[in-house]
Amino acid sequence: MKPKLLLLVAAFLITGSLFAQTVNFRFNNYFYGWQRIDSLSNESSAKTTHLRGYQNYLLEFNSGQWSFNTLAQTEEDVIKKVGRGFAYRFYNFYVKGSNLFGMLDVKLGRQNIFAGTGKGTLDGLNLKVKAGKNKEYQFSVYGGALAPYSYEFKEYPDIKNNYHFGGMFSYYGVKDLTASLSYSNKKSTPESYTTFRADSVYNLVERTITFDGPAEQLAGIDVNYTYLLKHNFFAKAYFDINQKKLYRAEANVRVQINKDLRGFVEYVYREPHYSYNSIFWVFNYTKNQEISGGLDYTLKNGINIYGRAGVVLYEKDANSTFDTKTNSIKIQAGFTHPNYGLSFTRYMGYSGESDGVSAYFQKSVYKELVSASASVNYSNYKLGDYLVDKVNALSGQLGITYRPMPQLSIDIQGQYLINRIYKSDARCLVGFSYWLFKKL
């Protein structure tokens, strides 16, 4: 971590602890160990042992209408360095003012944006104004630099090539109805690089490769309505302004048939949507539609039984030389309970053939101090038309959690995997979690 960043973090921590009324802190520390064969060695039995640590930090200082919020992660190689050996990420790092002047929310810093078509992480400013007698009109605007893919704090590219701004208007004036309009303008330009290319007479010369492209402009509408606190309707439509195309539309209805029985019907339209500098533009793609529905029923003992079925309708690729099917079917059934569950999933058609079974179990072993968990997943699938036989994959995990106090838990977990690539892969996870909430 750079010295400037350390000083910035320390200043926030000291200032926050001095003026905070409440502190919310969560810390997880896990170590993940495994062995793998060294593919660069001439000896088939050569193995390398790895131990990697992961730490997650959530910290919130709250003082009246103001709060400081951060969510960060660090990771390091304890045994056998892989890549950089140490890395850090800040997913959130912002100051928030809530209901200022009875009408304004402010966020300043690194934050996640969820505003209709506007989604992503940026370093900037987010304002929300709430108007009307019951604050039924809410308008939010945001803007700033796109956070680096590494989520570090480092030198940013020119803001004109790396930005995201937009806004969303939401209406809450009708009981149980929420409607919103959103707009997003985003531009992300990869960094230039130097390489060698052949000139007109095939001599290698050094060239600088640069990228550019228009900003991505999106507009969307979201509607959500709940009737009698039991039935729900949701719909959304997102439009790409520059390409003049609807790239996603969705509508679903969920109905409470009786006290224990519920049903749903869903429709989704998708057209693959890529940023302008994405490598995925070199591939052919087609749009698709998905129609699905299902039922779930809750028994008196808390077990929820469910069944779902759906079909994906693909638009046939005119450039394809294969006579492929143009639809795919998914069937899923099973039951769930807070302590155990079992599910079966089957895929058929264009997307391939696959059968899968998943099960989980968790139970308190000794009072509230020790609990155990286990899960297993098995699948039998076919990799395209070039393989005649199906292949198998099996994975499972077994874990124990010790909680000597509500704020502290210690975890040990073993993981095992078998598939067509790994004859066997065993790993171990050990760590602890600590939570603190305190009024000062």
Protein backbone atom coordinates (compact mmCIF):
# COMPACT_ATOMS: atom_id res chain seq x y z
CA MET A 1 0.00 0.00 0.00
CA LYS A 2 1.42 3.38 -1.01
CA PRO A 3 2.48 5.86 1.75
CA LYS A 4 -0.05 8.50 0.59
CA LEU A 5 -2.84 5.94 0.79
CA LEU A 6 -1.71 4.86 4.28
CA LEU A 7 -1.82 8.45 5.48
CA LEU A 8 -5.28 8.95 3.94
CA VAL A 9 -6.66 5.81 5.57
CA ALA A 10 -5.08 6.68 8.93
CA ALA A 11 -6.58 10.20 8.82
CA PHE A 12 -10.06 8.80 8.17
CA LEU A 13 -9.73 6.24 10.95
CA ILE A 14 -8.51 8.77 13.54
CA THR A 15 -11.07 11.41 12.56
CA GLY A 16 -13.88 8.88 12.42
CA SER A 17 -13.09 7.36 15.81
CA LEU A 18 -12.96 10.80 17.45
CA PHE A 19 -16.34 12.02 16.22
CA ALA A 20 -18.28 8.79 15.65
CA GLN A 21 -21.39 7.90 17.63
CA THR A 22 -21.44 4.28 16.42
CA VAL A 23 -18.80 1.97 14.96
CA ASN A 24 -19.54 -1.10 12.86
CA PHE A 25 -16.51 -3.27 12.10
CA ARG A 26 -16.21 -6.71 10.49
CA PHE A 27 -12.96 -8.54 9.86
CA ASN A 28 -12.44 -11.90 8.13
CA ASN A 29 -9.07 -13.61 7.87
CA TYR A 30 -8.78 -16.87 5.93
CA PHE A 31 -5.89 -19.02 4.76
CA TYR A 32 -6.31 -21.23 1.71
CA GLY A 33 -3.87 -24.09 1.10
CA TRP A 34 -3.40 -26.46 -1.84
CA GLN A 35 -0.86 -28.46 -3.83
CA ARG A 36 -0.45 -28.66 -7.58
CA ILE A 37 1.84 -30.35 -10.07
CA ASP A 38 4.47 -28.09 -11.62
CA SER A 39 3.83 -28.35 -15.38
CA LEU A 40 7.30 -26.87 -16.12
CA SER A 41 9.08 -29.72 -14.38
CA ASN A 42 10.28 -32.82 -16.21
CA GLU A 43 9.24 -34.95 -13.26
CA SER A 44 5.58 -35.94 -13.35
CA SER A 45 5.47 -36.17 -9.55
CA ALA A 46 6.85 -32.67 -8.94
CA LYS A 47 4.47 -30.69 -6.76
CA THR A 48 4.36 -27.21 -5.32
CA THR A 49 2.66 -26.33 -2.03
CA HIS A 50 0.79 -23.04 -1.74
CA LEU A 51 -0.69 -21.11 1.17
CA ARG A 52 -2.53 -17.88 0.48
CA GLY A 53 -4.17 -15.49 2.93
CA TYR A 54 -7.27 -13.34 2.40
CA GLN A 55 -8.53 -10.54 4.64
CA ASN A 56 -11.81 -8.64 4.30
CA TYR A 57 -12.51 -5.40 6.16
CA LEU A 58 -15.83 -3.60 6.59
CA LEU A 59 -15.69 -0.40 8.62
CA GLU A 60 -18.44 2.17 9.22
CA PHE A 61 -18.29 5.28 11.41
CA ASN A 62 -21.64 7.00 11.97
CA SER A 63 -22.22 10.38 13.57
CA GLY A 64 -25.70 11.77 13.13
CA GLN A 65 -26.33 12.49 9.47
CA TRP A 66 -22.76 11.73 8.44
CA SER A 67 -20.96 8.42 8.06
CA PHE A 68 -17.74 7.01 6.67
CA ASN A 69 -17.93 3.63 4.93
CA THR A 70 -15.29 1.35 3.53
CA LEU A 71 -15.09 -2.23 2.25
CA ALA A 72 -11.60 -3.53 1.46
CA GLN A 73 -9.68 -6.72 0.83
CA THR A 74 -6.03 -7.70 1.07
CA GLU A 75 -4.41 -10.93 -0.04
CA GLU A 76 -0.90 -12.31 0.18
CA ASP A 77 1.12 -15.43 -0.59
CA VAL A 78 2.45 -16.98 2.60
CA ILE A 79 4.10 -19.97 0.89
CA LYS A 80 5.17 -19.96 -2.78
CA LYS A 81 4.63 -16.61 -4.43
CA VAL A 82 2.03 -16.41 -7.20
CA GLY A 83 1.91 -13.28 -9.35
CA ARG A 84 2.54 -10.09 -7.35
CA GLY A 85 2.47 -11.88 -4.02
CA PHE A 86 0.47 -9.09 -2.33
CA ALA A 87 -2.53 -7.09 -3.50
CA TYR A 88 -5.21 -4.87 -2.02
CA ARG A 89 -8.62 -3.73 -3.21
CA PHE A 90 -10.97 -1.01 -2.03
CA TYR A 91 -14.52 -1.74 -3.19
CA ASN A 92 -16.00 1.16 -1.15
CA PHE A 93 -14.34 4.20 0.37
CA TYR A 94 -16.74 7.11 0.76
CA VAL A 95 -18.25 9.71 3.06
CA LYS A 96 -22.05 9.89 3.15
CA GLY A 97 -24.43 12.59 4.29
CA SER A 98 -28.04 11.44 4.81
CA ASN A 99 -31.18 13.57 4.61
CA LEU A 100 -29.30 16.86 4.71
CA PHE A 101 -31.68 19.84 4.91
CA GLY A 102 -34.45 17.23 4.97
CA MET A 103 -34.09 16.51 1.26
CA LEU A 104 -30.52 15.66 0.17
CA ASP A 105 -28.27 12.57 0.30
CA VAL A 106 -24.60 12.93 -0.63
CA LYS A 107 -21.89 10.35 -1.29
CA LEU A 108 -18.29 11.32 -2.02
CA GLY A 109 -15.54 8.79 -2.78
CA ARG A 110 -15.35 5.29 -4.22
CA GLN A 111 -18.82 3.77 -4.40
CA ASN A 112 -20.96 1.22 -6.24
CA ILE A 113 -23.63 2.68 -8.51
CA PHE A 114 -26.97 0.88 -8.90
CA ALA A 115 -29.18 3.28 -10.85
CA GLY A 116 -31.11 1.46 -13.57
CA THR A 117 -28.83 1.34 -16.60
CA GLY A 118 -26.06 2.96 -14.56
CA LYS A 119 -24.05 0.22 -12.87
CA GLY A 120 -20.42 0.06 -11.85
CA THR A 121 -17.83 1.42 -9.42
CA LEU A 122 -16.62 5.00 -9.68
CA ASP A 123 -14.57 7.49 -7.71
CA GLY A 124 -16.71 10.59 -7.60
CA LEU A 125 -19.87 12.29 -6.37
CA ASN A 126 -23.43 10.98 -6.02
CA LEU A 127 -26.34 13.29 -5.12
CA LYS A 128 -29.98 12.35 -4.44
CA VAL A 129 -32.70 14.97 -4.04
CA LYS A 130 -36.03 13.96 -2.45
CA ALA A 131 -38.99 16.25 -3.14
CA GLY A 132 -42.75 16.26 -2.64
CA LYS A 133 -44.98 16.09 0.40
CA ASN A 134 -44.03 12.48 1.09
CA LYS A 135 -40.71 12.57 -0.80
CA GLU A 136 -42.39 10.71 -3.65
CA TYR A 137 -40.15 12.38 -6.26
CA GLN A 138 -36.50 11.39 -6.08
CA PHE A 139 -33.81 12.42 -8.52
CA SER A 140 -30.21 11.22 -8.32
CA VAL A 141 -27.18 12.30 -10.35
CA TYR A 142 -23.66 10.87 -10.21
CA GLY A 143 -20.36 11.32 -11.95
CA GLY A 144 -16.66 10.59 -11.65
CA ALA A 145 -13.74 8.50 -12.85
CA LEU A 146 -14.18 4.78 -13.35
CA ALA A 147 -12.42 2.80 -10.63
CA PRO A 148 -9.42 0.78 -11.90
CA TYR A 149 -10.08 -2.90 -12.61
CA SER A 150 -7.68 -3.74 -9.77
CA TYR A 151 -9.72 -1.59 -7.32
CA GLU A 152 -6.49 0.02 -6.16
CA PHE A 153 -5.78 3.73 -5.73
CA LYS A 154 -3.32 4.70 -8.41
CA GLU A 155 -2.75 7.12 -11.27
CA TYR A 156 -5.87 7.50 -13.39
CA PRO A 157 -6.01 7.94 -17.17
CA ASP A 158 -7.22 11.25 -18.57
CA ILE A 159 -10.75 11.81 -17.20
CA LYS A 160 -12.07 12.47 -20.72
CA ASN A 161 -11.28 8.84 -21.61
CA ASN A 162 -12.29 7.20 -18.35
CA TYR A 163 -15.54 8.47 -16.84
CA HIS A 164 -19.08 7.54 -15.90
CA PHE A 165 -21.95 9.90 -15.22
CA GLY A 166 -25.73 9.66 -15.34
CA GLY A 167 -28.93 10.04 -13.41
CA MET A 168 -32.19 8.40 -12.40
CA PHE A 169 -35.64 9.78 -11.64
CA SER A 170 -37.88 7.65 -9.37
CA TYR A 171 -41.55 8.08 -8.51
CA TYR A 172 -43.20 6.63 -5.37
CA GLY A 173 -46.49 8.59 -5.47
CA VAL A 174 -48.83 5.58 -5.85
CA LYS A 175 -49.05 3.05 -3.03
CA ASP A 176 -46.94 -0.08 -3.65
CA LEU A 177 -45.73 1.28 -7.02
CA THR A 178 -42.17 2.25 -7.92
CA ALA A 179 -41.28 3.59 -11.37
CA SER A 180 -37.96 4.99 -12.55
CA LEU A 181 -36.25 6.40 -15.64
CA SER A 182 -32.46 6.21 -15.92
CA TYR A 183 -29.65 7.45 -18.17
CA SER A 184 -25.99 6.40 -18.20
CA ASN A 185 -23.00 7.80 -20.12
CA LYS A 186 -19.81 5.79 -19.74
CA LYS A 187 -16.47 5.75 -21.51
CA SER A 188 -13.59 3.39 -20.81
CA THR A 189 -10.46 3.52 -22.96
CA PRO A 190 -7.76 0.85 -22.49
CA GLU A 191 -4.21 2.11 -21.97
CA SER A 192 -2.00 2.37 -25.04
CA TYR A 193 0.96 0.04 -25.40
CA THR A 194 4.09 -0.33 -27.54
CA THR A 195 4.79 -3.33 -29.74
CA PHE A 196 6.49 -4.32 -33.02
CA ARG A 197 4.63 -4.48 -36.32
CA ALA A 198 5.68 -5.08 -39.93
CA ASP A 199 5.79 -2.05 -42.23
CA SER A 200 4.99 -2.02 -45.96
CA VAL A 201 8.26 -3.84 -46.82
CA TYR A 202 7.92 -6.26 -43.86
CA ASN A 203 10.54 -4.65 -41.63
CA LEU A 204 9.75 -4.75 -37.93
CA VAL A 205 9.15 -1.29 -36.51
CA GLU A 206 8.06 -0.16 -33.08
CA ARG A 207 4.54 1.23 -32.95
CA THR A 208 2.29 2.58 -30.23
CA ILE A 209 -1.18 1.04 -30.24
CA THR A 210 -3.90 3.40 -29.03
CA PHE A 211 -7.62 2.92 -28.56
CA ASP A 212 -10.60 5.18 -28.90
CA GLY A 213 -14.33 4.97 -29.40
CA PRO A 214 -17.59 6.71 -28.61
CA ALA A 215 -19.01 6.83 -25.11
CA GLU A 216 -21.66 4.26 -24.23
CA GLN A 217 -25.06 5.89 -23.75
CA LEU A 218 -27.89 3.87 -22.25
CA ALA A 219 -31.47 4.69 -21.21
CA GLY A 220 -33.92 2.53 -19.30
CA ILE A 221 -37.21 2.23 -17.47
CA ASP A 222 -38.02 0.07 -14.42
CA VAL A 223 -41.49 -0.57 -12.96
CA ASN A 224 -42.35 -2.57 -9.83
CA TYR A 225 -45.86 -2.99 -8.38
CA THR A 226 -47.09 -5.06 -5.43
CA TYR A 227 -50.81 -5.80 -5.10
CA LEU A 228 -52.36 -6.58 -1.69
CA LEU A 229 -48.83 -7.22 -0.34
CA LYS A 230 -48.97 -10.65 -2.03
CA HIS A 231 -48.79 -10.38 -5.81
CA ASN A 232 -45.91 -8.69 -7.58
CA PHE A 233 -45.32 -7.39 -11.11
CA PHE A 234 -41.92 -6.21 -12.37
CA ALA A 235 -40.82 -4.98 -15.80
CA LYS A 236 -37.83 -3.20 -17.27
CA ALA A 237 -36.49 -2.21 -20.69
CA TYR A 238 -32.95 -0.98 -21.45
CA PHE A 239 -31.99 0.76 -24.71
CA ASP A 240 -28.59 1.51 -26.31
CA ILE A 241 -28.88 5.05 -27.70
CA ASN A 242 -25.79 4.97 -29.94
CA GLN A 243 -26.55 1.61 -31.53
CA LYS A 244 -30.30 2.30 -31.55
CA LYS A 245 -31.23 -1.11 -30.17
CA LEU A 246 -33.14 -2.63 -27.29
CA TYR A 247 -30.59 -4.86 -25.60
CA ARG A 248 -32.60 -6.13 -22.61
CA ALA A 249 -36.25 -6.35 -21.63
CA GLU A 250 -37.80 -8.28 -18.79
CA ALA A 251 -41.23 -8.85 -17.27
CA ASN A 252 -42.25 -11.21 -14.49
CA VAL A 253 -45.38 -11.85 -12.45
CA ARG A 254 -45.36 -13.57 -9.06
CA VAL A 255 -48.70 -14.65 -7.58
CA GLN A 256 -49.64 -15.91 -4.10
CA ILE A 257 -52.15 -18.61 -5.03
CA ASN A 258 -52.98 -19.46 -1.44
CA LYS A 259 -51.28 -19.32 1.96
CA ASP A 260 -48.60 -21.89 1.07
CA LEU A 261 -48.55 -22.01 -2.75
CA ARG A 262 -46.89 -19.46 -5.04
CA GLY A 263 -46.31 -19.28 -8.77
CA PHE A 264 -44.39 -17.15 -11.24
CA VAL A 265 -44.11 -16.51 -14.98
CA GLU A 266 -41.14 -14.67 -16.47
CA TYR A 267 -40.10 -13.36 -19.89
CA VAL A 268 -36.61 -12.07 -20.75
CA TYR A 269 -35.27 -10.63 -24.01
CA ARG A 270 -31.48 -10.37 -24.36
CA GLU A 271 -29.11 -9.09 -26.99
CA PRO A 272 -25.43 -9.37 -26.02
CA HIS A 273 -24.19 -5.95 -24.95
CA TYR A 274 -20.45 -5.27 -25.04
CA SER A 275 -18.40 -2.15 -24.43
CA TYR A 276 -16.83 -0.60 -27.51
CA ASN A 277 -13.28 -1.75 -26.81
CA SER A 278 -14.20 -5.30 -25.85
CA ILE A 279 -12.54 -8.29 -27.55
CA PHE A 280 -15.97 -9.95 -27.70
CA TRP A 281 -16.85 -7.77 -30.72
CA VAL A 282 -14.83 -10.15 -32.94
CA PHE A 283 -17.33 -12.99 -32.30
CA ASN A 284 -20.67 -13.50 -34.00
CA TYR A 285 -23.63 -13.27 -31.64
CA THR A 286 -27.41 -13.46 -31.78
CA LYS A 287 -30.21 -12.33 -29.53
CA ASN A 288 -32.38 -14.72 -27.53
CA GLN A 289 -35.61 -14.84 -25.59
CA GLU A 290 -36.39 -16.82 -22.44
CA ILE A 291 -39.79 -17.87 -21.13
CA SER A 292 -40.02 -19.64 -17.77
CA GLY A 293 -42.46 -20.44 -15.02
CA GLY A 294 -42.77 -22.43 -11.84
CA LEU A 295 -44.46 -23.22 -8.55
CA ASP A 296 -43.25 -23.55 -4.98
CA TYR A 297 -45.11 -24.89 -1.97
CA THR A 298 -44.19 -24.57 1.71
CA LEU A 299 -45.00 -27.47 4.05
CA LYS A 300 -45.88 -26.99 7.70
CA ASN A 301 -42.44 -28.19 8.80
CA GLY A 302 -40.77 -25.37 6.85
CA ILE A 303 -39.69 -27.40 3.81
CA ASN A 304 -40.19 -25.55 0.53
CA ILE A 305 -40.82 -27.74 -2.54
CA TYR A 306 -40.33 -26.12 -5.93
CA GLY A 307 -40.37 -26.89 -9.63
CA ARG A 308 -39.34 -24.64 -12.52
CA ALA A 309 -39.16 -25.00 -16.29
CA GLY A 310 -37.96 -22.63 -18.97
CA VAL A 311 -37.10 -22.44 -22.65
CA VAL A 312 -34.53 -20.17 -24.31
CA LEU A 313 -35.32 -19.34 -27.95
CA TYR A 314 -32.22 -18.47 -29.99
CA GLU A 315 -32.20 -16.57 -33.25
CA LYS A 316 -30.52 -18.81 -35.82
CA ASP A 317 -27.10 -17.54 -36.88
CA ALA A 318 -27.18 -16.91 -40.63
CA ASN A 319 -23.36 -17.24 -40.80
CA SER A 320 -23.29 -20.63 -39.08
CA THR A 321 -22.48 -23.72 -41.16
CA PHE A 322 -23.95 -26.05 -38.58
CA ASP A 323 -27.54 -27.25 -38.52
CA THR A 324 -28.03 -26.52 -34.83
CA LYS A 325 -31.14 -26.53 -32.71
CA THR A 326 -32.47 -23.08 -31.94
CA ASN A 327 -33.78 -23.57 -28.43
CA SER A 328 -32.65 -24.79 -25.05
CA ILE A 329 -34.72 -26.19 -22.18
CA LYS A 330 -33.96 -26.02 -18.47
CA ILE A 331 -35.84 -28.04 -15.84
CA GLN A 332 -35.22 -27.68 -12.12
CA ALA A 333 -36.88 -29.29 -9.11
CA GLY A 334 -36.07 -29.85 -5.46
CA PHE A 335 -36.71 -28.80 -1.91
CA THR A 336 -35.04 -26.42 0.54
CA HIS A 337 -34.96 -26.02 4.30
CA PRO A 338 -32.79 -23.80 6.52
CA ASN A 339 -30.78 -26.91 7.47
CA TYR A 340 -30.80 -29.06 4.34
CA GLY A 341 -31.85 -29.20 0.72
CA LEU A 342 -31.69 -31.15 -2.53
CA SER A 343 -32.05 -30.01 -6.15
CA PHE A 344 -31.95 -31.52 -9.61
CA THR A 345 -31.23 -29.53 -12.79
CA ARG A 346 -31.36 -30.66 -16.41
CA TYR A 347 -30.37 -28.77 -19.59
CA MET A 348 -31.32 -29.92 -23.07
CA GLY A 349 -30.99 -28.50 -26.57
CA TYR A 350 -28.79 -25.84 -28.13
CA SER A 351 -26.86 -24.94 -24.98
CA GLY A 352 -25.84 -28.56 -24.43
CA GLU A 353 -26.91 -31.54 -22.38
CA SER A 354 -26.34 -31.66 -18.65
CA ASP A 355 -27.75 -33.35 -15.56
CA GLY A 356 -26.84 -32.07 -12.14
CA VAL A 357 -27.64 -32.89 -8.51
CA SER A 358 -26.79 -30.66 -5.54
CA ALA A 359 -27.34 -31.24 -1.83
CA TYR A 360 -26.41 -29.36 1.34
CA PHE A 361 -26.70 -29.96 5.06
CA GLN A 362 -25.91 -27.88 8.14
CA LYS A 363 -26.59 -28.53 11.80
CA SER A 364 -25.72 -27.24 15.24
CA VAL A 365 -23.60 -29.99 16.83
CA TYR A 366 -23.13 -28.65 20.35
CA LYS A 367 -25.47 -25.97 21.69
CA GLU A 368 -24.68 -22.71 19.87
CA LEU A 369 -20.92 -23.25 19.98
CA VAL A 370 -20.18 -25.80 17.26
CA SER A 371 -21.93 -26.31 13.93
CA ALA A 372 -21.14 -28.49 10.93
CA SER A 373 -21.92 -28.09 7.24
CA ALA A 374 -21.53 -30.26 4.17
CA SER A 375 -22.43 -30.06 0.49
CA VAL A 376 -21.98 -32.19 -2.61
CA ASN A 377 -22.46 -31.44 -6.30
CA TYR A 378 -22.49 -33.95 -9.15
CA SER A 379 -22.95 -33.26 -12.86
CA ASN A 380 -22.94 -35.37 -16.01
CA TYR A 381 -22.63 -33.32 -19.18
CA LYS A 382 -21.69 -33.33 -22.84
CA LEU A 383 -19.14 -30.91 -24.29
CA GLY A 384 -20.60 -29.93 -27.66
CA ASP A 385 -21.19 -32.17 -30.66
CA TYR A 386 -17.57 -33.27 -31.04
CA LEU A 387 -17.71 -35.54 -27.97
CA VAL A 388 -19.95 -38.61 -28.04
CA ASP A 389 -19.64 -39.62 -24.42
CA LYS A 390 -20.71 -37.52 -21.46
CA VAL A 391 -18.20 -36.59 -18.76
CA ASN A 392 -18.59 -36.43 -14.99
CA ALA A 393 -17.70 -33.84 -12.39
CA LEU A 394 -17.93 -34.21 -8.60
CA SER A 395 -17.21 -31.67 -5.87
CA GLY A 396 -17.90 -31.48 -2.18
CA GLN A 397 -17.02 -29.67 1.01
CA LEU A 398 -17.12 -30.42 4.73
CA GLY A 399 -16.76 -27.70 7.33
CA ILE A 400 -16.88 -27.03 11.07
CA THR A 401 -17.56 -23.66 12.71
CA TYR A 402 -16.70 -22.85 16.32
CA ARG A 403 -18.36 -19.75 17.78
CA PRO A 404 -17.13 -19.10 21.37
CA MET A 405 -19.00 -15.77 21.41
CA PRO A 406 -21.53 -14.14 19.08
CA GLN A 407 -18.91 -11.76 17.69
CA LEU A 408 -16.27 -14.38 16.86
CA SER A 409 -16.36 -17.50 14.69
CA ILE A 410 -13.55 -19.88 13.68
CA ASP A 411 -13.94 -21.98 10.50
CA ILE A 412 -12.24 -25.06 9.09
CA GLN A 413 -13.32 -26.37 5.71
CA GLY A 414 -12.11 -29.14 3.40
CA GLN A 415 -12.88 -29.07 -0.34
CA TYR A 416 -12.58 -31.84 -2.92
CA LEU A 417 -12.98 -31.87 -6.70
CA ILE A 418 -12.87 -34.49 -9.47
CA ASN A 419 -13.44 -33.68 -13.16
CA ARG A 420 -12.00 -34.33 -16.64
CA ILE A 421 -9.09 -31.95 -15.94
CA TYR A 422 -8.26 -32.86 -12.32
CA LYS A 423 -8.16 -36.51 -11.28
CA SER A 424 -8.33 -35.20 -7.73
CA ASP A 425 -8.01 -31.76 -6.17
CA ALA A 426 -8.10 -31.37 -2.39
CA ARG A 427 -7.90 -27.99 -0.60
CA CYS A 428 -8.19 -26.67 2.93
CA LEU A 429 -9.59 -23.36 4.20
CA VAL A 430 -8.91 -22.11 7.75
CA GLY A 431 -9.82 -18.75 9.21
CA PHE A 432 -11.86 -16.62 11.57
CA SER A 433 -14.41 -13.77 11.47
CA TYR A 434 -14.86 -10.99 13.99
CA TRP A 435 -17.71 -8.49 14.26
CA LEU A 436 -17.92 -5.39 16.45
CA PHE A 437 -20.75 -2.90 16.80
CA LYS A 438 -20.41 -0.28 19.47
CA LYS A 439 -22.15 2.93 20.50
CA LEU A 440 -19.67 5.53 21.69
